[in-house]
Structures are given as structure tokens and as C-alpha cells.
Amino acid sequence: MYTFLIAVGALLLLSLVWMVYRIQTLVSVVKGSDRKIASGSNKVNAILFLVFLFGSGALMFWYSIKEFDNYQLPVASEHGVMIPNKNKPNKFHTF
């Protein structure tokens, strides 16, 4: 167990160091102290973002349509059918 925690800690530490390096590189590009020009990966990231956005939206709608019949759980008892009808007068008086 301790080995796993140490490995996770080391991984988090490495990712933190990498993020600091990336931030330093981006700040130097913004300041102009580095002559490095931003590459075309921004366009690739934009295209991948749109693919992810529309793809996940399409998958969400497909899954919603596929599982539409499973949205309402069956009533667990015989008197459970009457309970929604008992709440209607209460909703009327609330509004």
C-alpha cells in the first residue's frame, strides 16, 4: 500500500514540475523574451475540442434515446401509484 502511495506522490510531483515548466515557457513567449513562436497545435486543439464537444453531445442524445424506457422505475408498492395524485392539491396551494 505504501509503495502505491509513494508512486502516486512521485507521479503528482513530476506532473507539478512539468506544469511549472510549461507555465514558464508560456510566460516567456508572452513576454517576448523567447523567440519561440507558438506552433500550429492550437488549431489542432481547437479541432479536437469541437470533435469532443459534438461527439459527446451526439453520444449523450443517443444514450438518452436508447435508455428512454428505463427512466421511470417501476412502482415498488400498490399504494405508490396514489402518491403522485395526493401531491397535486398541495402543489396547487403552494402556488
PDB file of N, CA and C in Angstrom:
ATOM      1  N   MET A   1       0.818  -1.187   0.000  1.00  0.00           N
ATOM      2  CA  MET A   1       0.000   0.000   0.000  1.00  0.00           C
ATOM      3  C   MET A   1       0.870   1.263   0.000  1.00  0.00           C
ATOM      4  N   TYR A   2       1.924   1.242   0.803  1.00  0.00           N
ATOM      5  CA  TYR A   2       2.801   2.408   0.859  1.00  0.00           C
ATOM      6  C   TYR A   2       3.531   2.613  -0.470  1.00  0.00           C
ATOM      7  N   THR A   3       3.857   1.527  -1.138  1.00  0.00           N
ATOM      8  CA  THR A   3       4.525   1.638  -2.434  1.00  0.00           C
ATOM      9  C   THR A   3       3.616   2.346  -3.435  1.00  0.00           C
ATOM     10  N   PHE A   4       2.340   2.006  -3.402  1.00  0.00           N
ATOM     11  CA  PHE A   4       1.376   2.645  -4.303  1.00  0.00           C
ATOM     12  C   PHE A   4       1.266   4.136  -3.990  1.00  0.00           C
ATOM     13  N   LEU A   5       1.185   4.488  -2.706  1.00  0.00           N
ATOM     14  CA  LEU A   5       1.079   5.895  -2.324  1.00  0.00           C
ATOM     15  C   LEU A   5       2.332   6.675  -2.712  1.00  0.00           C
ATOM     16  N   ILE A   6       3.492   6.066  -2.549  1.00  0.00           N
ATOM     17  CA  ILE A   6       4.737   6.720  -2.936  1.00  0.00           C
ATOM     18  C   ILE A   6       4.784   6.919  -4.448  1.00  0.00           C
ATOM     19  N   ALA A   7       4.323   5.921  -5.205  1.00  0.00           N
ATOM     20  CA  ALA A   7       4.300   6.042  -6.664  1.00  0.00           C
ATOM     21  C   ALA A   7       3.341   7.143  -7.105  1.00  0.00           C
ATOM     22  N   VAL A   8       2.174   7.218  -6.470  1.00  0.00           N
ATOM     23  CA  VAL A   8       1.214   8.278  -6.812  1.00  0.00           C
ATOM     24  C   VAL A   8       1.787   9.643  -6.454  1.00  0.00           C
ATOM     25  N   GLY A   9       2.440   9.746  -5.302  1.00  0.00           N
ATOM     26  CA  GLY A   9       3.063  11.008  -4.903  1.00  0.00           C
ATOM     27  C   GLY A   9       4.152  11.432  -5.863  1.00  0.00           C
ATOM     28  N   ALA A  10       4.978  10.481  -6.290  1.00  0.00           N
ATOM     29  CA  ALA A  10       6.038  10.801  -7.254  1.00  0.00           C
ATOM     30  C   ALA A  10       5.448  11.238  -8.591  1.00  0.00           C
ATOM     31  N   LEU A  11       4.375  10.580  -9.014  1.00  0.00           N
ATOM     32  CA  LEU A  11       3.717  10.955 -10.258  1.00  0.00           C
ATOM     33  C   LEU A  11       3.130  12.362 -10.171  1.00  0.00           C
ATOM     34  N   LEU A  12       2.509  12.677  -9.053  1.00  0.00           N
ATOM     35  CA  LEU A  12       1.966  14.020  -8.862  1.00  0.00           C
ATOM     36  C   LEU A  12       3.082  15.072  -8.828  1.00  0.00           C
ATOM     37  N   LEU A  13       4.180  14.745  -8.201  1.00  0.00           N
ATOM     38  CA  LEU A  13       5.311  15.673  -8.142  1.00  0.00           C
ATOM     39  C   LEU A  13       5.892  15.917  -9.530  1.00  0.00           C
ATOM     40  N   LEU A  14       6.033  14.863 -10.319  1.00  0.00           N
ATOM     41  CA  LEU A  14       6.524  15.016 -11.690  1.00  0.00           C
ATOM     42  C   LEU A  14       5.566  15.851 -12.542  1.00  0.00           C
ATOM     43  N   SER A  15       4.278  15.617 -12.375  1.00  0.00           N
ATOM     44  CA  SER A  15       3.318  16.400 -13.152  1.00  0.00           C
ATOM     45  C   SER A  15       3.338  17.865 -12.718  1.00  0.00           C
ATOM     46  N   LEU A  16       3.568  18.129 -11.444  1.00  0.00           N
ATOM     47  CA  LEU A  16       3.669  19.502 -10.968  1.00  0.00           C
ATOM     48  C   LEU A  16       4.890  20.203 -11.562  1.00  0.00           C
ATOM     49  N   VAL A  17       6.018  19.520 -11.592  1.00  0.00           N
ATOM     50  CA  VAL A  17       7.231  20.093 -12.172  1.00  0.00           C
ATOM     51  C   VAL A  17       7.033  20.352 -13.663  1.00  0.00           C
ATOM     52  N   TRP A  18       6.394  19.438 -14.355  1.00  0.00           N
ATOM     53  CA  TRP A  18       6.136  19.614 -15.784  1.00  0.00           C
ATOM     54  C   TRP A  18       5.212  20.804 -16.029  1.00  0.00           C
ATOM     55  N   MET A  19       4.170  20.967 -15.194  1.00  0.00           N
ATOM     56  CA  MET A  19       3.256  22.097 -15.354  1.00  0.00           C
ATOM     57  C   MET A  19       3.972  23.425 -15.100  1.00  0.00           C
ATOM     58  N   VAL A  20       4.863  23.468 -14.111  1.00  0.00           N
ATOM     59  CA  VAL A  20       5.623  24.691 -13.847  1.00  0.00           C
ATOM     60  C   VAL A  20       6.511  25.021 -15.044  1.00  0.00           C
ATOM     61  N   TYR A  21       7.144  24.029 -15.628  1.00  0.00           N
ATOM     62  CA  TYR A  21       7.971  24.243 -16.819  1.00  0.00           C
ATOM     63  C   TYR A  21       7.132  24.802 -17.968  1.00  0.00           C
ATOM     64  N   ARG A  22       5.947  24.222 -18.183  1.00  0.00           N
ATOM     65  CA  ARG A  22       5.083  24.688 -19.271  1.00  0.00           C
ATOM     66  C   ARG A  22       4.622  26.124 -19.030  1.00  0.00           C
ATOM     67  N   ILE A  23       4.278  26.444 -17.789  1.00  0.00           N
ATOM     68  CA  ILE A  23       3.841  27.802 -17.472  1.00  0.00           C
ATOM     69  C   ILE A  23       4.983  28.781 -17.700  1.00  0.00           C
ATOM     70  N   GLN A  24       6.183  28.394 -17.304  1.00  0.00           N
ATOM     71  CA  GLN A  24       7.342  29.262 -17.509  1.00  0.00           C
ATOM     72  C   GLN A  24       7.571  29.498 -19.006  1.00  0.00           C
ATOM     73  N   THR A  25       7.429  28.465 -19.807  1.00  0.00           N
ATOM     74  CA  THR A  25       7.612  28.597 -21.255  1.00  0.00           C
ATOM     75  C   THR A  25       6.549  29.522 -21.855  1.00  0.00           C
ATOM     76  N   LEU A  26       5.309  29.356 -21.421  1.00  0.00           N
ATOM     77  CA  LEU A  26       4.242  30.201 -21.950  1.00  0.00           C
ATOM     78  C   LEU A  26       4.418  31.658 -21.534  1.00  0.00           C
ATOM     79  N   VAL A  27       4.853  31.890 -20.302  1.00  0.00           N
ATOM     80  CA  VAL A  27       5.077  33.260 -19.842  1.00  0.00           C
ATOM     81  C   VAL A  27       6.217  33.904 -20.630  1.00  0.00           C
ATOM     82  N   SER A  28       7.261  33.162 -20.898  1.00  0.00           N
ATOM     83  CA  SER A  28       8.371  33.728 -21.667  1.00  0.00           C
ATOM     84  C   SER A  28       7.956  34.026 -23.102  1.00  0.00           C
ATOM     85  N   VAL A  29       7.053  33.243 -23.674  1.00  0.00           N
ATOM     86  CA  VAL A  29       6.558  33.521 -25.018  1.00  0.00           C
ATOM     87  C   VAL A  29       5.713  34.790 -25.006  1.00  0.00           C
ATOM     88  N   VAL A  30       4.880  34.964 -23.970  1.00  0.00           N
ATOM     89  CA  VAL A  30       4.032  36.148 -23.884  1.00  0.00           C
ATOM     90  C   VAL A  30       4.874  37.408 -23.676  1.00  0.00           C
ATOM     91  N   LYS A  31       5.892  37.307 -22.833  1.00  0.00           N
ATOM     92  CA  LYS A  31       6.754  38.459 -22.585  1.00  0.00           C
ATOM     93  C   LYS A  31       7.582  38.828 -23.815  1.00  0.00           C
ATOM     94  N   GLY A  32       7.837  37.886 -24.655  1.00  0.00           N
ATOM     95  CA  GLY A  32       8.638  38.143 -25.838  1.00  0.00           C
ATOM     96  C   GLY A  32      10.119  37.924 -25.598  1.00  0.00           C
ATOM     97  N   SER A  33      10.471  37.451 -24.414  1.00  0.00           N
ATOM     98  CA  SER A  33      11.885  37.217 -24.139  1.00  0.00           C
ATOM     99  C   SER A  33      12.396  35.986 -24.861  1.00  0.00           C
ATOM    100  N   ASP A  34      11.486  35.149 -25.261  1.00  0.00           N
ATOM    101  CA  ASP A  34      11.857  33.954 -26.014  1.00  0.00           C
ATOM    102  C   ASP A  34      11.371  34.144 -27.446  1.00  0.00           C
ATOM    103  N   ARG A  35      12.193  33.800 -28.396  1.00  0.00           N
ATOM    104  CA  ARG A  35      11.806  33.996 -29.794  1.00  0.00           C
ATOM    105  C   ARG A  35      10.978  32.827 -30.321  1.00  0.00           C
ATOM    106  N   LYS A  36      10.604  31.955 -29.438  1.00  0.00           N
ATOM    107  CA  LYS A  36       9.804  30.798 -29.833  1.00  0.00           C
ATOM    108  C   LYS A  36       8.403  31.263 -30.237  1.00  0.00           C
ATOM    109  N   ILE A  37       7.973  30.833 -31.382  1.00  0.00           N
ATOM    110  CA  ILE A  37       6.656  31.201 -31.885  1.00  0.00           C
ATOM    111  C   ILE A  37       5.720  30.034 -31.597  1.00  0.00           C
ATOM    112  N   ALA A  38       4.523  30.365 -31.177  1.00  0.00           N
ATOM    113  CA  ALA A  38       3.541  29.323 -30.885  1.00  0.00           C
ATOM    114  C   ALA A  38       3.288  28.497 -32.143  1.00  0.00           C
ATOM    115  N   SER A  39       3.244  27.211 -31.976  1.00  0.00           N
ATOM    116  CA  SER A  39       3.102  26.316 -33.125  1.00  0.00           C
ATOM    117  C   SER A  39       1.641  26.198 -33.542  1.00  0.00           C
ATOM    118  N   GLY A  40       1.395  25.404 -34.539  1.00  0.00           N
ATOM    119  CA  GLY A  40       0.040  25.199 -35.052  1.00  0.00           C
ATOM    120  C   GLY A  40      -0.769  24.234 -34.224  1.00  0.00           C
ATOM    121  N   SER A  41      -0.260  23.843 -33.067  1.00  0.00           N
ATOM    122  CA  SER A  41      -1.009  22.893 -32.248  1.00  0.00           C
ATOM    123  C   SER A  41      -2.280  23.513 -31.687  1.00  0.00           C
ATOM    124  N   ASN A  42      -2.370  24.833 -31.681  1.00  0.00           N
ATOM    125  CA  ASN A  42      -3.579  25.482 -31.200  1.00  0.00           C
ATOM    126  C   ASN A  42      -4.758  25.147 -32.108  1.00  0.00           C
ATOM    127  N   LYS A  43      -4.517  25.096 -33.416  1.00  0.00           N
ATOM    128  CA  LYS A  43      -5.581  24.730 -34.352  1.00  0.00           C
ATOM    129  C   LYS A  43      -5.998  23.278 -34.153  1.00  0.00           C
ATOM    130  N   VAL A  44      -5.005  22.438 -33.895  1.00  0.00           N
ATOM    131  CA  VAL A  44      -5.309  21.029 -33.649  1.00  0.00           C
ATOM    132  C   VAL A  44      -6.149  20.890 -32.386  1.00  0.00           C
ATOM    133  N   ASN A  45      -5.784  21.635 -31.329  1.00  0.00           N
ATOM    134  CA  ASN A  45      -6.555  21.587 -30.090  1.00  0.00           C
ATOM    135  C   ASN A  45      -7.972  22.100 -30.303  1.00  0.00           C
ATOM    136  N   ALA A  46      -8.131  23.136 -31.124  1.00  0.00           N
ATOM    137  CA  ALA A  46      -9.467  23.662 -31.403  1.00  0.00           C
ATOM    138  C   ALA A  46     -10.317  22.638 -32.139  1.00  0.00           C
ATOM    139  N   ILE A  47      -9.727  21.974 -33.111  1.00  0.00           N
ATOM    140  CA  ILE A  47     -10.473  20.960 -33.866  1.00  0.00           C
ATOM    141  C   ILE A  47     -10.832  19.783 -32.965  1.00  0.00           C
ATOM    142  N   LEU A  48      -9.887  19.344 -32.141  1.00  0.00           N
ATOM    143  CA  LEU A  48     -10.173  18.236 -31.225  1.00  0.00           C
ATOM    144  C   LEU A  48     -11.232  18.616 -30.200  1.00  0.00           C
ATOM    145  N   PHE A  49     -11.239  19.879 -29.758  1.00  0.00           N
ATOM    146  CA  PHE A  49     -12.271  20.333 -28.837  1.00  0.00           C
ATOM    147  C   PHE A  49     -13.646  20.242 -29.483  1.00  0.00           C
ATOM    148  N   LEU A  50     -13.758  20.706 -30.726  1.00  0.00           N
ATOM    149  CA  LEU A  50     -15.050  20.642 -31.411  1.00  0.00           C
ATOM    150  C   LEU A  50     -15.487  19.201 -31.655  1.00  0.00           C
ATOM    151  N   VAL A  51     -14.532  18.342 -32.009  1.00  0.00           N
ATOM    152  CA  VAL A  51     -14.856  16.920 -32.198  1.00  0.00           C
ATOM    153  C   VAL A  51     -15.363  16.325 -30.898  1.00  0.00           C
ATOM    154  N   PHE A  52     -14.687  16.628 -29.794  1.00  0.00           N
ATOM    155  CA  PHE A  52     -15.115  16.125 -28.488  1.00  0.00           C
ATOM    156  C   PHE A  52     -16.481  16.680 -28.115  1.00  0.00           C
ATOM    157  N   LEU A  53     -16.709  17.977 -28.352  1.00  0.00           N
ATOM    158  CA  LEU A  53     -17.972  18.612 -27.995  1.00  0.00           C
ATOM    159  C   LEU A  53     -19.141  17.982 -28.738  1.00  0.00           C
ATOM    160  N   PHE A  54     -19.035  17.916 -30.057  1.00  0.00           N
ATOM    161  CA  PHE A  54     -20.144  17.376 -30.837  1.00  0.00           C
ATOM    162  C   PHE A  54     -20.255  15.859 -30.685  1.00  0.00           C
ATOM    163  N   GLY A  55     -19.123  15.169 -30.547  1.00  0.00           N
ATOM    164  CA  GLY A  55     -19.163  13.722 -30.353  1.00  0.00           C
ATOM    165  C   GLY A  55     -19.804  13.337 -29.045  1.00  0.00           C
ATOM    166  N   SER A  56     -19.429  14.017 -27.969  1.00  0.00           N
ATOM    167  CA  SER A  56     -20.027  13.696 -26.669  1.00  0.00           C
ATOM    168  C   SER A  56     -21.492  14.103 -26.625  1.00  0.00           C
ATOM    169  N   GLY A  57     -21.845  15.199 -27.299  1.00  0.00           N
ATOM    170  CA  GLY A  57     -23.254  15.590 -27.370  1.00  0.00           C
ATOM    171  C   GLY A  57     -24.084  14.563 -28.120  1.00  0.00           C
ATOM    172  N   ALA A  58     -23.541  14.067 -29.231  1.00  0.00           N
ATOM    173  CA  ALA A  58     -24.250  13.043 -30.006  1.00  0.00           C
ATOM    174  C   ALA A  58     -24.391  11.758 -29.201  1.00  0.00           C
ATOM    175  N   LEU A  59     -23.330  11.375 -28.493  1.00  0.00           N
ATOM    176  CA  LEU A  59     -23.414  10.174 -27.653  1.00  0.00           C
ATOM    177  C   LEU A  59     -24.414  10.352 -26.523  1.00  0.00           C
ATOM    178  N   MET A  60     -24.510  11.549 -25.957  1.00  0.00           N
ATOM    179  CA  MET A  60     -25.471  11.802 -24.889  1.00  0.00           C
ATOM    180  C   MET A  60     -26.899  11.653 -25.409  1.00  0.00           C
ATOM    181  N   PHE A  61     -27.182  12.247 -26.579  1.00  0.00           N
ATOM    182  CA  PHE A  61     -28.519  12.129 -27.135  1.00  0.00           C
ATOM    183  C   PHE A  61     -28.832  10.690 -27.531  1.00  0.00           C
ATOM    184  N   TRP A  62     -27.868   9.995 -28.088  1.00  0.00           N
ATOM    185  CA  TRP A  62     -28.086   8.587 -28.472  1.00  0.00           C
ATOM    186  C   TRP A  62     -28.399   7.756 -27.236  1.00  0.00           C
ATOM    187  N   TYR A  63     -27.636   7.949 -26.160  1.00  0.00           N
ATOM    188  CA  TYR A  63     -27.862   7.169 -24.941  1.00  0.00           C
ATOM    189  C   TYR A  63     -29.202   7.520 -24.307  1.00  0.00           C
ATOM    190  N   SER A  64     -29.583   8.801 -24.353  1.00  0.00           N
ATOM    191  CA  SER A  64     -30.874   9.205 -23.792  1.00  0.00           C
ATOM    192  C   SER A  64     -32.026   8.566 -24.552  1.00  0.00           C
ATOM    193  N   ILE A  65     -31.915   8.527 -25.864  1.00  0.00           N
ATOM    194  CA  ILE A  65     -32.980   7.911 -26.659  1.00  0.00           C
ATOM    195  C   ILE A  65     -32.990   6.406 -26.444  1.00  0.00           C
ATOM    196  N   LYS A  66     -31.815   5.791 -26.367  1.00  0.00           N
ATOM    197  CA  LYS A  66     -31.725   4.341 -26.193  1.00  0.00           C
ATOM    198  C   LYS A  66     -32.292   3.891 -24.854  1.00  0.00           C
ATOM    199  N   GLU A  67     -32.036   4.643 -23.787  1.00  0.00           N
ATOM    200  CA  GLU A  67     -32.460   4.252 -22.441  1.00  0.00           C
ATOM    201  C   GLU A  67     -33.710   4.983 -21.972  1.00  0.00           C
ATOM    202  N   PHE A  68     -34.500   5.526 -22.890  1.00  0.00           N
ATOM    203  CA  PHE A  68     -35.681   6.304 -22.511  1.00  0.00           C
ATOM    204  C   PHE A  68     -36.676   5.476 -21.700  1.00  0.00           C
ATOM    205  N   ASP A  69     -36.832   4.209 -22.030  1.00  0.00           N
ATOM    206  CA  ASP A  69     -37.792   3.358 -21.328  1.00  0.00           C
ATOM    207  C   ASP A  69     -37.364   3.059 -19.896  1.00  0.00           C
ATOM    208  N   ASN A  70     -36.116   3.210 -19.576  1.00  0.00           N
ATOM    209  CA  ASN A  70     -35.623   2.900 -18.232  1.00  0.00           C
ATOM    210  C   ASN A  70     -35.563   4.121 -17.318  1.00  0.00           C
ATOM    211  N   TYR A  71     -36.068   5.278 -17.766  1.00  0.00           N
ATOM    212  CA  TYR A  71     -36.012   6.473 -16.926  1.00  0.00           C
ATOM    213  C   TYR A  71     -36.903   6.336 -15.694  1.00  0.00           C
ATOM    214  N   GLN A  72     -38.120   5.879 -15.878  1.00  0.00           N
ATOM    215  CA  GLN A  72     -39.056   5.722 -14.764  1.00  0.00           C
ATOM    216  C   GLN A  72     -38.919   4.321 -14.176  1.00  0.00           C
ATOM    217  N   LEU A  73     -38.596   4.258 -12.896  1.00  0.00           N
ATOM    218  CA  LEU A  73     -38.521   2.968 -12.230  1.00  0.00           C
ATOM    219  C   LEU A  73     -39.930   2.467 -11.960  1.00  0.00           C
ATOM    220  N   PRO A  74     -40.120   1.154 -11.943  1.00  0.00           N
ATOM    221  CA  PRO A  74     -41.460   0.642 -11.648  1.00  0.00           C
ATOM    222  C   PRO A  74     -41.842   0.962 -10.196  1.00  0.00           C
ATOM    223  N   VAL A  75     -43.148   1.048  -9.964  1.00  0.00           N
ATOM    224  CA  VAL A  75     -43.648   1.363  -8.629  1.00  0.00           C
ATOM    225  C   VAL A  75     -43.362   0.186  -7.708  1.00  0.00           C
ATOM    226  N   ALA A  76     -42.847   0.485  -6.515  1.00  0.00           N
ATOM    227  CA  ALA A  76     -42.417  -0.572  -5.609  1.00  0.00           C
ATOM    228  C   ALA A  76     -43.571  -1.162  -4.802  1.00  0.00           C
ATOM    229  N   SER A  77     -44.678  -0.448  -4.646  1.00  0.00           N
ATOM    230  CA  SER A  77     -45.792  -0.980  -3.859  1.00  0.00           C
ATOM    231  C   SER A  77     -47.110  -0.604  -4.527  1.00  0.00           C
ATOM    232  N   GLU A  78     -48.200  -1.188  -4.016  1.00  0.00           N
ATOM    233  CA  GLU A  78     -49.510  -0.942  -4.619  1.00  0.00           C
ATOM    234  C   GLU A  78     -49.994   0.479  -4.366  1.00  0.00           C
ATOM    235  N   HIS A  79     -49.738   1.007  -3.170  1.00  0.00           N
ATOM    236  CA  HIS A  79     -50.226   2.350  -2.867  1.00  0.00           C
ATOM    237  C   HIS A  79     -49.292   3.441  -3.406  1.00  0.00           C
ATOM    238  N   GLY A  80     -48.196   3.056  -4.010  1.00  0.00           N
ATOM    239  CA  GLY A  80     -47.288   4.041  -4.571  1.00  0.00           C
ATOM    240  C   GLY A  80     -47.860   4.768  -5.768  1.00  0.00           C
ATOM    241  N   VAL A  81     -48.856   4.184  -6.428  1.00  0.00           N
ATOM    242  CA  VAL A  81     -49.473   4.814  -7.583  1.00  0.00           C
ATOM    243  C   VAL A  81     -50.301   6.017  -7.147  1.00  0.00           C
ATOM    244  N   MET A  82     -50.866   5.981  -5.930  1.00  0.00           N
ATOM    245  CA  MET A  82     -51.736   7.063  -5.464  1.00  0.00           C
ATOM    246  C   MET A  82     -50.946   8.279  -4.985  1.00  0.00           C
ATOM    247  N   ILE A  83     -49.691   8.133  -4.631  1.00  0.00           N
ATOM    248  CA  ILE A  83     -48.936   9.225  -4.016  1.00  0.00           C
ATOM    249  C   ILE A  83     -48.783  10.429  -4.935  1.00  0.00           C
ATOM    250  N   PRO A  84     -48.472  10.291  -6.230  1.00  0.00           N
ATOM    251  CA  PRO A  84     -48.391  11.495  -7.069  1.00  0.00           C
ATOM    252  C   PRO A  84     -49.711  12.255  -7.133  1.00  0.00           C
ATOM    253  N   ASN A  85     -50.847  11.551  -7.062  1.00  0.00           N
ATOM    254  CA  ASN A  85     -52.142  12.228  -7.093  1.00  0.00           C
ATOM    255  C   ASN A  85     -52.406  12.982  -5.794  1.00  0.00           C
ATOM    256  N   LYS A  86     -51.847  12.543  -4.685  1.00  0.00           N
ATOM    257  CA  LYS A  86     -52.040  13.236  -3.408  1.00  0.00           C
ATOM    258  C   LYS A  86     -51.257  14.543  -3.357  1.00  0.00           C
ATOM    259  N   ASN A  87     -50.205  14.666  -4.129  1.00  0.00           N
ATOM    260  CA  ASN A  87     -49.385  15.867  -4.111  1.00  0.00           C
ATOM    261  C   ASN A  87     -49.961  16.995  -4.961  1.00  0.00           C
ATOM    262  N   LYS A  88     -50.904  16.707  -5.833  1.00  0.00           N
ATOM    263  CA  LYS A  88     -51.440  17.745  -6.715  1.00  0.00           C
ATOM    264  C   LYS A  88     -52.144  18.861  -5.949  1.00  0.00           C
ATOM    265  N   PRO A  89     -53.020  18.568  -4.959  1.00  0.00           N
ATOM    266  CA  PRO A  89     -53.622  19.685  -4.213  1.00  0.00           C
ATOM    267  C   PRO A  89     -52.574  20.500  -3.459  1.00  0.00           C
ATOM    268  N   ASN A  90     -51.550  19.869  -2.941  1.00  0.00           N
ATOM    269  CA  ASN A  90     -50.512  20.583  -2.224  1.00  0.00           C
ATOM    270  C   ASN A  90     -49.772  21.539  -3.155  1.00  0.00           C
ATOM    271  N   LYS A  91     -49.489  21.091  -4.379  1.00  0.00           N
ATOM    272  CA  LYS A  91     -48.826  21.960  -5.346  1.00  0.00           C
ATOM    273  C   LYS A  91     -49.724  23.143  -5.713  1.00  0.00           C
ATOM    274  N   PHE A  92     -51.021  22.906  -5.791  1.00  0.00           N
ATOM    275  CA  PHE A  92     -51.949  23.983  -6.122  1.00  0.00           C
ATOM    276  C   PHE A  92     -51.939  25.060  -5.027  1.00  0.00           C
ATOM    277  N   HIS A  93     -51.955  24.638  -3.774  1.00  0.00           N
ATOM    278  CA  HIS A  93     -51.975  25.601  -2.666  1.00  0.00           C
ATOM    279  C   HIS A  93     -50.627  26.299  -2.497  1.00  0.00           C
ATOM    280  N   THR A  94     -49.552  25.658  -2.907  1.00  0.00           N
ATOM    281  CA  THR A  94     -48.236  26.285  -2.792  1.00  0.00           C
ATOM    282  C   THR A  94     -48.103  27.448  -3.755  1.00  0.00           C
ATOM    283  N   PHE A  95     -48.634  27.285  -4.961  1.00  0.00           N
ATOM    284  CA  PHE A  95     -48.524  28.344  -5.953  1.00  0.00           C
ATOM    285  C   PHE A  95     -49.748  29.198  -5.882  1.00  0.00           C
TER     286      PHE A  95
END
